[in-house]
Amino acid sequence: MNLLTAFENARFAQKEEAPLPPEPTKPDYGMTRIPFGKNKGALFMDTPPYELRNIRRWCQSTPELAVKFADLIHDIEAYLSN
């Protein structure tokens, strides 16, 4: 057995012995960060629900903002609905 074969066998054995944990089936919106404002950088899970509702309301205040922040609006609604 040469050295290269030994390394390949060791790598294969490690994969079989310690499989990776399964990927989450749905996103954890609590880990989403607020991109602007006084709570910039805060996680949804660390922000009071009324603050998230205020951010969503502001994002929906004009059609231009609603388009620009459509993903953020979706994430806030998905987080608050859980």
Protein backbone atom coordinates (compact mmCIF):
# COMPACT_ATOMS: atom_id res chain seq x y z
CA MET A 1 0.00 0.00 0.00
CA ASN A 2 1.46 3.34 -0.98
CA LEU A 3 1.08 6.61 0.91
CA LEU A 4 -1.55 8.08 -1.40
CA THR A 5 -3.80 5.03 -1.01
CA ALA A 6 -3.43 5.20 2.77
CA PHE A 7 -4.56 8.86 2.81
CA GLU A 8 -7.53 8.12 0.57
CA ASN A 9 -8.60 5.22 2.78
CA ALA A 10 -8.26 7.35 5.92
CA ARG A 11 -10.39 10.14 4.39
CA PHE A 12 -13.07 7.61 3.41
CA ALA A 13 -13.05 6.09 6.91
CA GLN A 14 -13.51 9.52 8.53
CA LYS A 15 -16.56 10.24 6.38
CA GLU A 16 -18.10 6.91 7.32
CA GLU A 17 -17.39 7.26 11.04
CA ALA A 18 -18.47 10.86 11.53
CA PRO A 19 -21.17 11.94 9.08
CA LEU A 20 -22.10 15.59 8.89
CA PRO A 21 -25.26 16.69 10.70
CA PRO A 22 -28.32 17.03 8.49
CA GLU A 23 -29.07 20.38 6.90
CA PRO A 24 -31.94 22.29 8.48
CA THR A 25 -35.20 21.76 6.64
CA LYS A 26 -36.39 25.35 7.06
CA PRO A 27 -34.55 28.62 7.65
CA ASP A 28 -34.14 29.99 11.17
CA TYR A 29 -35.46 33.52 10.73
CA GLY A 30 -34.50 34.34 14.32
CA MET A 31 -30.88 34.46 13.15
CA THR A 32 -31.63 37.18 10.56
CA ARG A 33 -29.98 40.54 11.25
CA ILE A 34 -31.69 43.89 10.93
CA PRO A 35 -29.89 45.81 8.15
CA PHE A 36 -30.60 49.41 9.23
CA GLY A 37 -31.95 51.75 11.91
CA LYS A 38 -31.42 51.90 15.65
CA ASN A 39 -31.41 48.08 15.85
CA LYS A 40 -28.93 47.63 13.00
CA GLY A 41 -27.09 44.34 13.35
CA ALA A 42 -29.45 42.95 16.00
CA LEU A 43 -30.89 39.48 15.50
CA PHE A 44 -34.63 39.12 15.06
CA MET A 45 -34.72 36.85 18.10
CA ASP A 46 -33.14 39.62 20.24
CA THR A 47 -35.55 42.31 18.99
CA PRO A 48 -38.99 42.88 20.52
CA PRO A 49 -41.87 41.96 18.20
CA TYR A 50 -43.24 45.52 18.22
CA GLU A 51 -39.91 46.78 16.83
CA LEU A 52 -40.04 44.21 14.02
CA ARG A 53 -43.63 45.24 13.24
CA ASN A 54 -42.53 48.90 13.11
CA ILE A 55 -39.71 48.04 10.71
CA ARG A 56 -42.11 46.05 8.52
CA ARG A 57 -44.64 48.90 8.58
CA TRP A 58 -41.95 51.40 7.54
CA CYS A 59 -40.74 49.11 4.75
CA GLN A 60 -44.29 48.89 3.43
CA SER A 61 -44.94 52.65 3.68
CA THR A 62 -44.19 53.31 -0.01
CA PRO A 63 -44.20 51.03 -3.06
CA GLU A 64 -40.50 51.74 -3.70
CA LEU A 65 -39.50 50.66 -0.19
CA ALA A 66 -41.77 47.62 -0.38
CA VAL A 67 -39.92 46.46 -3.50
CA LYS A 68 -36.47 47.27 -2.12
CA PHE A 69 -37.08 45.49 1.19
CA ALA A 70 -39.34 42.66 -0.04
CA ASP A 71 -37.02 39.98 1.35
CA LEU A 72 -36.82 41.69 4.74
CA ILE A 73 -40.61 42.04 4.89
CA HIS A 74 -40.96 38.35 4.07
CA ASP A 75 -38.43 37.35 6.73
CA ILE A 76 -40.10 39.46 9.42
CA GLU A 77 -43.53 38.03 8.59
CA ALA A 78 -42.17 34.47 8.60
CA TYR A 79 -40.46 35.04 11.96
CA LEU A 80 -43.50 36.64 13.59
CA SER A 81 -45.84 33.93 12.32
CA ASN A 82 -43.95 31.18 14.16
